[in-house]
Amino acid sequence: MSAHGHGKKRRRGGHGGGEHGSDERWLLTYADMITLLMALFMVLFSISSVNISKYQVLQKSLKAAFSGAVLPGGQSIMQSGSTNAPGSHPPTTFVPAITAVTQAQAKQMLPSVNAQTAQAQQQFNSQVAQAMAVAAAAAREQNELLKLKAKLDAWAKAHGLTKYVQTLIDPRGLVIRIVTDKVLFDSGSADLRPTLVPLLDEIARLLNVDQLHPITVAGHTDNQPISTSRFPSNWELSVARAVSVVKFLNQHGVSALRLSPSGYSYFHPIASNATPQGRARNRRVEIILQRINPDLATP
């Protein structure tokens, strides 16, 4: 019975011990949680703990950088070295802002800028004045050429010579075109016919209205070949006819310094050489009162 009682007692004790262990198991979990919370708080505290002096220096540096000021230290660079003495503090004075320096530099540069602006304006005004002067001179010259053309056209019409002489104004100047075929010259000849001497005399008078414009006399032929002892080709014939007109104009008062002859043979036709009428138009002498000023109407 004692053995039975003893075993029963052990079972009761064993059962009781198991209940006590089960009831105190939450303490382990609680202790773990407290430990973790303490560690969390320590981490948070360490993160939130900032060196105030370093924070103030950083704040001032960022403020200076984003406010347009130059970062401190400009004066320190000029010194022989830095100091590690205790109690030294970062400089608290700042170099003036970049905007202020720029304004000061702008004030110093202002006289130079004004001088350059004035020089550029003066140069522009000079170019404008020169262009206006050229345009005015070209307009006056064009008006003079038109007046000479009108006078020559009126004279040719009054004397019934409009079919022999034609005037036009082109980029070269005033062009007086005279048909040569049986008018100025006989066929294959460079000797002036007396029939149109009054016309050439009137042309010489009009060309002497001014003494500035150069005069070119250009001889032209058709494409019919010529081969004589005097004129082996149309080159010689065209040049000889131009020289004959130049001599006549010079003998009637036109300065030789203004005159120059040229021959183009048949290489500059104004009509087709396939017909007799076209070849008659191509056989011509052109007296050109050349422009001094550029033709502004020509691109």
Protein backbone atom coordinates (compact mmCIF):
# COMPACT_ATOMS: atom_id res chain seq x y z
CA MET A 1 0.00 0.00 0.00
CA SER A 2 2.85 2.25 0.74
CA ALA A 3 4.30 1.48 -2.64
CA HIS A 4 1.03 2.25 -4.26
CA GLY A 5 0.76 5.43 -2.31
CA HIS A 6 4.24 6.41 -3.21
CA GLY A 7 3.63 5.89 -6.89
CA LYS A 8 0.40 7.78 -6.70
CA LYS A 9 2.24 10.61 -5.03
CA ARG A 10 4.83 10.70 -7.80
CA ARG A 11 2.13 10.85 -10.42
CA ARG A 12 0.45 13.67 -8.61
CA GLY A 13 3.72 15.53 -8.27
CA GLY A 14 4.60 14.98 -11.86
CA HIS A 15 1.28 16.23 -13.00
CA GLY A 16 1.54 19.27 -10.83
CA GLY A 17 5.04 20.12 -12.13
CA GLY A 18 3.85 19.96 -15.71
CA GLU A 19 1.06 22.40 -15.05
CA HIS A 20 3.46 24.86 -13.37
CA GLY A 21 5.88 24.76 -16.34
CA SER A 22 3.08 25.31 -18.77
CA ASP A 23 1.75 28.29 -16.84
CA GLU A 24 5.21 30.08 -16.77
CA ARG A 25 6.08 29.56 -20.50
CA TRP A 26 4.67 32.99 -21.48
CA LEU A 27 7.39 34.63 -19.43
CA LEU A 28 9.96 33.54 -22.00
CA THR A 29 8.00 35.12 -24.82
CA TYR A 30 7.49 38.29 -22.80
CA ALA A 31 11.17 38.51 -21.97
CA ASP A 32 12.12 38.10 -25.62
CA MET A 33 9.69 40.84 -26.61
CA ILE A 34 11.04 43.21 -23.98
CA THR A 35 14.56 42.56 -25.17
CA LEU A 36 13.64 43.30 -28.79
CA LEU A 37 11.80 46.47 -27.80
CA MET A 38 14.78 47.67 -25.83
CA ALA A 39 17.08 47.00 -28.77
CA LEU A 40 14.67 48.87 -31.07
CA PHE A 41 14.55 51.86 -28.76
CA MET A 42 18.32 51.93 -28.53
CA VAL A 43 18.64 51.92 -32.32
CA LEU A 44 16.07 54.68 -32.64
CA PHE A 45 17.81 56.69 -29.99
CA SER A 46 21.17 56.28 -31.66
CA ILE A 47 19.71 57.40 -34.99
CA SER A 48 18.01 60.43 -33.48
CA SER A 49 21.10 61.48 -31.57
CA VAL A 50 22.92 63.98 -33.87
CA ASN A 51 25.97 66.09 -33.27
CA ILE A 52 24.36 69.52 -33.05
CA SER A 53 27.49 71.46 -33.94
CA LYS A 54 28.08 69.36 -37.05
CA TYR A 55 24.45 69.73 -38.00
CA GLN A 56 24.66 73.52 -37.70
CA VAL A 57 27.79 73.60 -39.87
CA LEU A 58 26.06 71.43 -42.48
CA GLN A 59 22.98 73.63 -42.36
CA LYS A 60 25.01 76.80 -42.92
CA SER A 61 26.98 75.21 -45.75
CA LEU A 62 23.84 74.06 -47.53
CA LYS A 63 22.23 77.45 -47.04
CA ALA A 64 25.26 79.21 -48.49
CA ALA A 65 25.42 76.83 -51.46
CA PHE A 66 21.78 77.15 -52.42
CA SER A 67 21.51 80.90 -51.75
CA GLY A 68 24.06 81.88 -54.43
CA ALA A 69 26.89 82.53 -51.99
CA VAL A 70 30.42 81.24 -52.41
CA LEU A 71 31.29 78.46 -49.98
CA PRO A 72 33.46 79.64 -47.09
CA GLY A 73 37.15 79.09 -47.13
CA GLY A 74 38.32 81.64 -49.64
CA GLN A 75 40.42 83.47 -47.07
CA SER A 76 41.81 80.23 -45.63
CA ILE A 77 43.24 79.21 -48.98
CA MET A 78 45.38 82.32 -48.99
CA GLN A 79 46.97 81.35 -45.68
CA SER A 80 50.09 79.22 -45.49
CA GLY A 81 48.28 76.26 -43.99
CA SER A 82 45.44 75.13 -41.83
CA THR A 83 45.43 74.91 -38.05
CA ASN A 84 44.46 72.04 -35.87
CA ALA A 85 44.45 74.10 -32.73
CA PRO A 86 41.64 73.17 -30.34
CA GLY A 87 38.83 75.58 -30.16
CA SER A 88 39.08 76.56 -33.80
CA HIS A 89 35.74 76.95 -35.44
CA PRO A 90 34.62 76.97 -39.02
CA PRO A 91 34.54 80.46 -40.48
CA THR A 92 31.22 82.15 -40.05
CA THR A 93 31.72 84.98 -42.55
CA PHE A 94 30.76 84.37 -46.15
CA VAL A 95 32.04 85.80 -49.39
CA PRO A 96 29.42 88.02 -51.06
CA ALA A 97 26.95 86.24 -53.26
CA ILE A 98 27.83 85.50 -56.87
CA THR A 99 25.09 87.82 -58.04
CA ALA A 100 26.66 90.73 -56.17
CA VAL A 101 30.10 89.96 -57.64
CA THR A 102 28.60 89.73 -61.10
CA GLN A 103 26.94 93.10 -60.72
CA ALA A 104 30.19 94.65 -59.58
CA GLN A 105 32.03 93.16 -62.52
CA ALA A 106 29.28 94.34 -64.83
CA LYS A 107 29.70 97.88 -63.54
CA GLN A 108 33.43 97.68 -64.23
CA MET A 109 32.83 96.28 -67.72
CA LEU A 110 30.07 98.75 -68.54
CA PRO A 111 32.32 101.43 -70.12
CA SER A 112 33.93 98.80 -72.38
CA VAL A 113 30.55 97.35 -73.36
CA ASN A 114 29.20 100.81 -74.08
CA ALA A 115 32.23 101.61 -76.22
CA GLN A 116 31.83 98.41 -78.21
CA THR A 117 28.12 99.05 -78.64
CA ALA A 118 28.77 102.60 -79.80
CA GLN A 119 31.43 101.37 -82.24
CA ALA A 120 29.10 98.70 -83.63
CA GLN A 121 26.29 101.24 -83.95
CA GLN A 122 28.61 103.67 -85.70
CA GLN A 123 29.77 100.97 -88.11
CA PHE A 124 26.17 99.97 -88.82
CA ASN A 125 25.17 103.59 -89.44
CA SER A 126 28.14 103.99 -91.78
CA GLN A 127 27.15 100.89 -93.74
CA VAL A 128 23.55 102.05 -93.96
CA ALA A 129 24.64 105.50 -95.12
CA GLN A 130 26.96 103.96 -97.72
CA ALA A 131 24.22 101.67 -99.01
CA MET A 132 21.80 104.58 -99.22
CA ALA A 133 24.39 106.65 -101.09
CA VAL A 134 24.98 103.83 -103.58
CA ALA A 135 21.24 103.37 -104.08
CA ALA A 136 20.75 107.10 -104.59
CA ALA A 137 23.62 107.26 -107.11
CA ALA A 138 22.25 104.25 -108.99
CA ALA A 139 18.80 105.84 -109.09
CA ARG A 140 20.21 109.11 -110.44
CA GLU A 141 22.20 107.25 -113.07
CA GLN A 142 19.16 105.25 -114.13
CA ASN A 143 17.19 108.46 -114.49
CA GLU A 144 19.96 109.99 -116.62
CA LEU A 145 20.05 106.93 -118.88
CA LEU A 146 16.29 107.07 -119.32
CA LYS A 147 16.47 110.73 -120.31
CA LEU A 148 19.19 110.06 -122.91
CA LYS A 149 17.18 107.15 -124.29
CA ALA A 150 14.07 109.30 -124.60
CA LYS A 151 15.98 112.06 -126.40
CA LEU A 152 17.58 109.65 -128.87
CA ASP A 153 14.27 107.88 -129.53
CA ALA A 154 12.58 111.22 -130.18
CA TRP A 155 15.35 112.29 -132.57
CA ALA A 156 15.28 108.99 -134.48
CA LYS A 157 11.49 109.17 -134.78
CA ALA A 158 11.61 112.76 -136.00
CA HIS A 159 14.14 111.80 -138.71
CA GLY A 160 12.46 108.55 -139.73
CA LEU A 161 15.30 106.32 -138.54
CA THR A 162 13.45 104.18 -135.99
CA LYS A 163 13.81 101.06 -138.15
CA TYR A 164 17.57 101.45 -138.20
CA VAL A 165 18.27 102.32 -134.57
CA GLN A 166 16.96 100.81 -131.36
CA THR A 167 17.68 101.81 -127.78
CA LEU A 168 17.33 99.79 -124.61
CA ILE A 169 18.53 99.87 -121.01
CA ASP A 170 19.93 96.69 -119.51
CA PRO A 171 22.39 95.89 -116.71
CA ARG A 172 25.25 97.10 -118.91
CA GLY A 173 23.74 100.56 -119.27
CA LEU A 174 22.22 102.42 -122.25
CA VAL A 175 22.55 100.30 -125.40
CA ILE A 176 22.21 102.01 -128.80
CA ARG A 177 21.79 99.29 -131.42
CA ILE A 178 22.33 100.27 -135.05
CA VAL A 179 21.69 97.97 -137.99
CA THR A 180 24.76 97.81 -140.20
CA ASP A 181 23.46 96.01 -143.31
CA LYS A 182 23.43 98.64 -146.07
CA VAL A 183 22.92 101.31 -143.40
CA LEU A 184 26.23 101.93 -141.68
CA PHE A 185 28.32 99.73 -143.94
CA ASP A 186 28.10 98.03 -147.24
CA SER A 187 28.15 94.23 -147.26
CA GLY A 188 31.59 92.93 -146.27
CA SER A 189 32.90 96.49 -145.65
CA ALA A 190 33.98 98.43 -142.55
CA ASP A 191 33.79 101.89 -144.16
CA LEU A 192 30.98 104.12 -142.84
CA ARG A 193 28.28 105.10 -145.30
CA PRO A 194 27.49 108.82 -145.36
CA THR A 195 23.74 108.23 -145.09
CA LEU A 196 23.75 107.75 -141.29
CA VAL A 197 26.43 110.25 -140.43
CA PRO A 198 23.79 112.63 -138.94
CA LEU A 199 22.61 109.80 -136.65
CA LEU A 200 26.13 109.11 -135.39
CA ASP A 201 26.68 112.83 -134.94
CA GLU A 202 23.55 113.07 -132.76
CA ILE A 203 24.66 110.04 -130.77
CA ALA A 204 28.07 111.67 -130.20
CA ARG A 205 26.36 114.84 -128.97
CA LEU A 206 24.18 112.92 -126.50
CA LEU A 207 27.11 110.86 -125.28
CA ASN A 208 28.94 114.06 -124.42
CA VAL A 209 26.21 115.19 -122.04
CA ASP A 210 28.43 113.77 -119.32
CA GLN A 211 32.12 113.04 -119.35
CA LEU A 212 32.20 110.16 -116.85
CA HIS A 213 30.62 107.04 -118.29
CA PRO A 214 32.88 104.78 -120.36
CA ILE A 215 31.67 103.81 -123.82
CA THR A 216 32.08 100.45 -125.49
CA VAL A 217 31.44 99.94 -129.21
CA ALA A 218 30.74 96.29 -130.04
CA GLY A 219 30.69 94.92 -133.60
CA HIS A 220 28.56 91.85 -134.50
CA THR A 221 28.10 89.85 -137.72
CA ASP A 222 25.92 86.99 -138.89
CA ASN A 223 27.19 83.45 -139.27
CA GLN A 224 27.86 83.67 -143.01
CA PRO A 225 31.58 83.01 -143.56
CA ILE A 226 33.76 85.72 -145.05
CA SER A 227 37.26 85.38 -146.41
CA THR A 228 38.88 88.38 -148.05
CA SER A 229 42.35 89.80 -148.05
CA ARG A 230 41.25 92.47 -145.60
CA PHE A 231 38.90 90.37 -143.46
CA PRO A 232 39.92 86.70 -143.28
CA SER A 233 37.00 86.00 -140.92
CA ASN A 234 34.03 87.59 -139.20
CA TRP A 235 36.27 88.38 -136.24
CA GLU A 236 38.28 90.91 -138.22
CA LEU A 237 35.14 92.36 -139.83
CA SER A 238 33.31 92.86 -136.51
CA VAL A 239 36.35 94.49 -134.89
CA ALA A 240 37.02 96.75 -137.89
CA ARG A 241 33.43 98.02 -137.90
CA ALA A 242 33.63 98.79 -134.16
CA VAL A 243 36.90 100.67 -134.70
CA SER A 244 35.34 102.74 -137.49
CA VAL A 245 32.52 103.89 -135.18
CA VAL A 246 34.97 104.61 -132.34
CA LYS A 247 37.04 106.81 -134.65
CA PHE A 248 33.95 108.70 -135.78
CA LEU A 249 32.78 109.38 -132.21
CA ASN A 250 36.24 110.53 -131.18
CA GLN A 251 36.44 112.89 -134.16
CA HIS A 252 33.09 114.36 -133.03
CA GLY A 253 34.09 115.26 -129.52
CA VAL A 254 33.91 112.04 -127.51
CA SER A 255 37.08 111.57 -125.47
CA ALA A 256 39.25 108.69 -126.59
CA LEU A 257 39.77 107.80 -122.91
CA ARG A 258 36.12 106.81 -122.71
CA LEU A 259 36.04 104.74 -125.92
CA SER A 260 36.93 101.08 -126.46
CA PRO A 261 36.11 98.86 -129.48
CA SER A 262 35.36 95.14 -129.36
CA GLY A 263 34.35 92.49 -131.90
CA TYR A 264 32.18 89.45 -131.22
CA SER A 265 31.85 87.96 -134.69
CA TYR A 266 28.58 85.94 -134.87
CA PHE A 267 28.72 84.47 -131.34
CA HIS A 268 26.14 86.81 -129.76
CA PRO A 269 23.12 86.78 -132.07
CA ILE A 270 19.84 88.49 -131.13
CA ALA A 271 17.86 86.61 -133.80
CA SER A 272 18.01 83.36 -135.68
CA ASN A 273 20.62 83.09 -138.41
CA ALA A 274 18.39 80.65 -140.27
CA THR A 275 16.46 83.45 -142.03
CA PRO A 276 17.60 86.52 -143.99
CA GLN A 277 15.63 88.76 -141.64
CA GLY A 278 17.36 87.28 -138.60
CA ARG A 279 20.81 87.59 -140.14
CA ALA A 280 20.08 91.23 -141.00
CA ARG A 281 19.28 91.93 -137.34
CA ASN A 282 22.43 90.18 -136.18
CA ARG A 283 24.63 92.37 -138.37
CA ARG A 284 24.81 95.34 -136.02
CA VAL A 285 26.93 97.72 -134.01
CA GLU A 286 26.09 98.41 -130.39
CA ILE A 287 27.21 101.64 -128.68
CA ILE A 288 27.00 101.01 -124.92
CA LEU A 289 27.08 103.83 -122.38
CA GLN A 290 28.26 101.76 -119.45
CA ARG A 291 26.98 102.09 -115.93
CA ILE A 292 29.23 103.42 -113.18
CA ASN A 293 26.90 102.41 -110.38
CA PRO A 294 25.54 98.87 -110.08
CA ASP A 295 22.14 98.03 -111.48
CA LEU A 296 20.14 97.51 -108.28
CA ALA A 297 17.28 95.97 -110.20
CA THR A 298 19.52 93.09 -111.27
CA PRO A 299 19.81 90.27 -108.68
